[in-house]
Amino acid sequence: MAVAGDGVVCSARPIWTPSDVFVQVLRLARAAGLEDNRRLDLLSHRADASQREMEVNGRGGTGNVGSTENEWPKACDQRGRYWLYVVYECGTPHLRLLRVQDPFGKLVVKAKGA
């Protein structure tokens, strides 16, 4: 059984595609009462009344993660409320979860194709 951060059980399936991870994360999030949001993947209402805006990306192995033209300005605008969740090694039974709060302030940006 594969576990991806925070003890969230993803599946007993041996191989995942990035879209499998996205669908599974959304299914688990909806089951936990999180709501979908058209501007981002998930919107979490925290116990302390704060909100966490979450973008979820999956990679079959490792490598760079891209942002859409809409995601990066949102990350800039929301800063500490905006989280990027990346699931690496989706193509293996050994998923790895990376969580980054304020990716706009913490990650290096390269223009696509550069």
Protein backbone atom coordinates (compact mmCIF):
# COMPACT_ATOMS: atom_id res chain seq x y z
CA MET A 1 0.00 0.00 0.00
CA ALA A 2 1.41 3.42 -0.96
CA VAL A 3 1.26 6.35 1.44
CA ALA A 4 1.73 9.93 0.27
CA GLY A 5 2.60 12.34 3.10
CA ASP A 6 0.39 13.07 6.11
CA GLY A 7 -0.47 9.36 6.21
CA VAL A 8 -2.92 9.64 3.29
CA VAL A 9 -3.30 6.20 1.75
CA CYS A 10 -3.41 6.51 -2.00
CA SER A 11 -3.86 2.98 -3.26
CA ALA A 12 -2.51 -0.55 -3.39
CA ARG A 13 -2.04 -0.13 -7.17
CA PRO A 14 1.61 -0.58 -8.15
CA ILE A 15 1.74 2.04 -10.97
CA TRP A 16 0.20 5.51 -11.04
CA THR A 17 -0.04 8.11 -13.76
CA PRO A 18 -0.06 11.82 -12.86
CA SER A 19 -3.74 12.02 -13.78
CA ASP A 20 -4.45 9.02 -11.49
CA VAL A 21 -2.87 10.93 -8.62
CA PHE A 22 -4.88 14.06 -9.36
CA VAL A 23 -8.16 12.12 -9.51
CA GLN A 24 -7.33 10.24 -6.30
CA VAL A 25 -6.35 13.44 -4.45
CA LEU A 26 -9.60 15.10 -5.51
CA ARG A 27 -11.63 12.05 -4.47
CA LEU A 28 -9.99 11.94 -1.03
CA ALA A 29 -10.28 15.71 -0.62
CA ARG A 30 -13.98 15.70 -1.48
CA ALA A 31 -14.54 12.80 0.94
CA ALA A 32 -12.84 14.94 3.61
CA GLY A 33 -15.23 17.80 2.92
CA LEU A 34 -12.90 20.04 0.88
CA GLU A 35 -14.54 21.97 -1.91
CA ASP A 36 -13.53 22.26 -5.56
CA ASN A 37 -12.65 25.69 -6.82
CA ARG A 38 -12.42 26.65 -10.49
CA ARG A 39 -9.40 28.90 -9.91
CA LEU A 40 -7.34 26.18 -8.25
CA ASP A 41 -7.45 22.48 -7.52
CA LEU A 42 -8.60 22.56 -3.88
CA LEU A 43 -9.69 25.06 -1.26
CA SER A 44 -9.24 23.89 2.33
CA HIS A 45 -11.09 25.54 5.21
CA ARG A 46 -8.86 24.96 8.24
CA ALA A 47 -9.97 24.43 11.85
CA ASP A 48 -8.48 27.82 12.80
CA ALA A 49 -10.77 29.51 10.19
CA SER A 50 -7.87 30.09 7.78
CA GLN A 51 -7.98 28.87 4.20
CA ARG A 52 -5.37 26.99 2.20
CA GLU A 53 -5.50 27.27 -1.58
CA MET A 54 -3.89 24.16 -3.06
CA GLU A 55 -2.54 23.35 -6.49
CA VAL A 56 -1.79 19.64 -7.07
CA ASN A 57 0.68 18.31 -9.66
CA GLY A 58 1.85 14.76 -10.31
CA ARG A 59 4.95 13.45 -12.07
CA GLY A 60 5.54 9.92 -13.31
CA GLY A 61 9.13 10.14 -12.09
CA THR A 62 10.98 13.26 -11.08
CA GLY A 63 11.50 16.56 -12.86
CA ASN A 64 10.36 20.12 -13.06
CA VAL A 65 6.81 21.17 -12.33
CA GLY A 66 5.09 23.72 -14.53
CA SER A 67 2.57 26.43 -13.76
CA THR A 68 -0.16 27.74 -15.99
CA GLU A 69 -0.57 31.42 -16.79
CA ASN A 70 -3.39 31.53 -14.24
CA GLU A 71 -1.62 29.59 -11.43
CA TRP A 72 1.51 31.72 -11.04
CA PRO A 73 -0.30 35.07 -10.58
CA LYS A 74 -2.62 33.34 -8.10
CA ALA A 75 0.43 32.09 -6.16
CA CYS A 76 1.82 35.66 -6.17
CA ASP A 77 -1.46 37.16 -4.98
CA GLN A 78 -2.16 34.63 -2.21
CA ARG A 79 1.43 34.01 -1.03
CA GLY A 80 1.17 32.31 2.42
CA ARG A 81 -2.33 30.94 1.74
CA TYR A 82 -1.20 29.24 -1.49
CA TRP A 83 0.30 25.74 -1.36
CA LEU A 84 1.77 23.61 -4.11
CA TYR A 85 1.48 19.84 -3.62
CA VAL A 86 3.62 17.74 -5.96
CA VAL A 87 3.46 13.95 -6.03
CA TYR A 88 6.64 12.45 -7.54
CA GLU A 89 7.25 8.89 -8.72
CA CYS A 90 3.62 8.34 -9.73
CA GLY A 91 4.92 5.70 -12.15
CA THR A 92 6.22 3.59 -9.27
CA PRO A 93 4.77 2.10 -6.08
CA HIS A 94 6.90 4.57 -4.04
CA LEU A 95 5.08 7.92 -4.18
CA ARG A 96 6.80 10.98 -2.72
CA LEU A 97 4.88 14.08 -1.66
CA LEU A 98 6.39 17.57 -1.64
CA ARG A 99 4.41 20.44 -0.09
CA VAL A 100 5.50 24.04 -0.64
CA GLN A 101 3.78 26.94 1.07
CA ASP A 102 4.20 30.20 -0.90
CA PRO A 103 5.83 28.70 -4.00
CA PHE A 104 5.98 32.20 -5.51
CA GLY A 105 8.38 33.27 -2.78
CA LYS A 106 10.34 30.01 -2.55
CA LEU A 107 10.75 28.56 -6.04
CA VAL A 108 12.84 29.66 -9.00
CA VAL A 109 10.92 30.50 -12.16
CA LYS A 110 12.14 29.73 -15.66
CA ALA A 111 10.29 30.70 -18.80
CA LYS A 112 8.86 27.70 -20.63
CA GLY A 113 11.30 26.52 -23.28
CA ALA A 114 14.23 28.30 -21.60
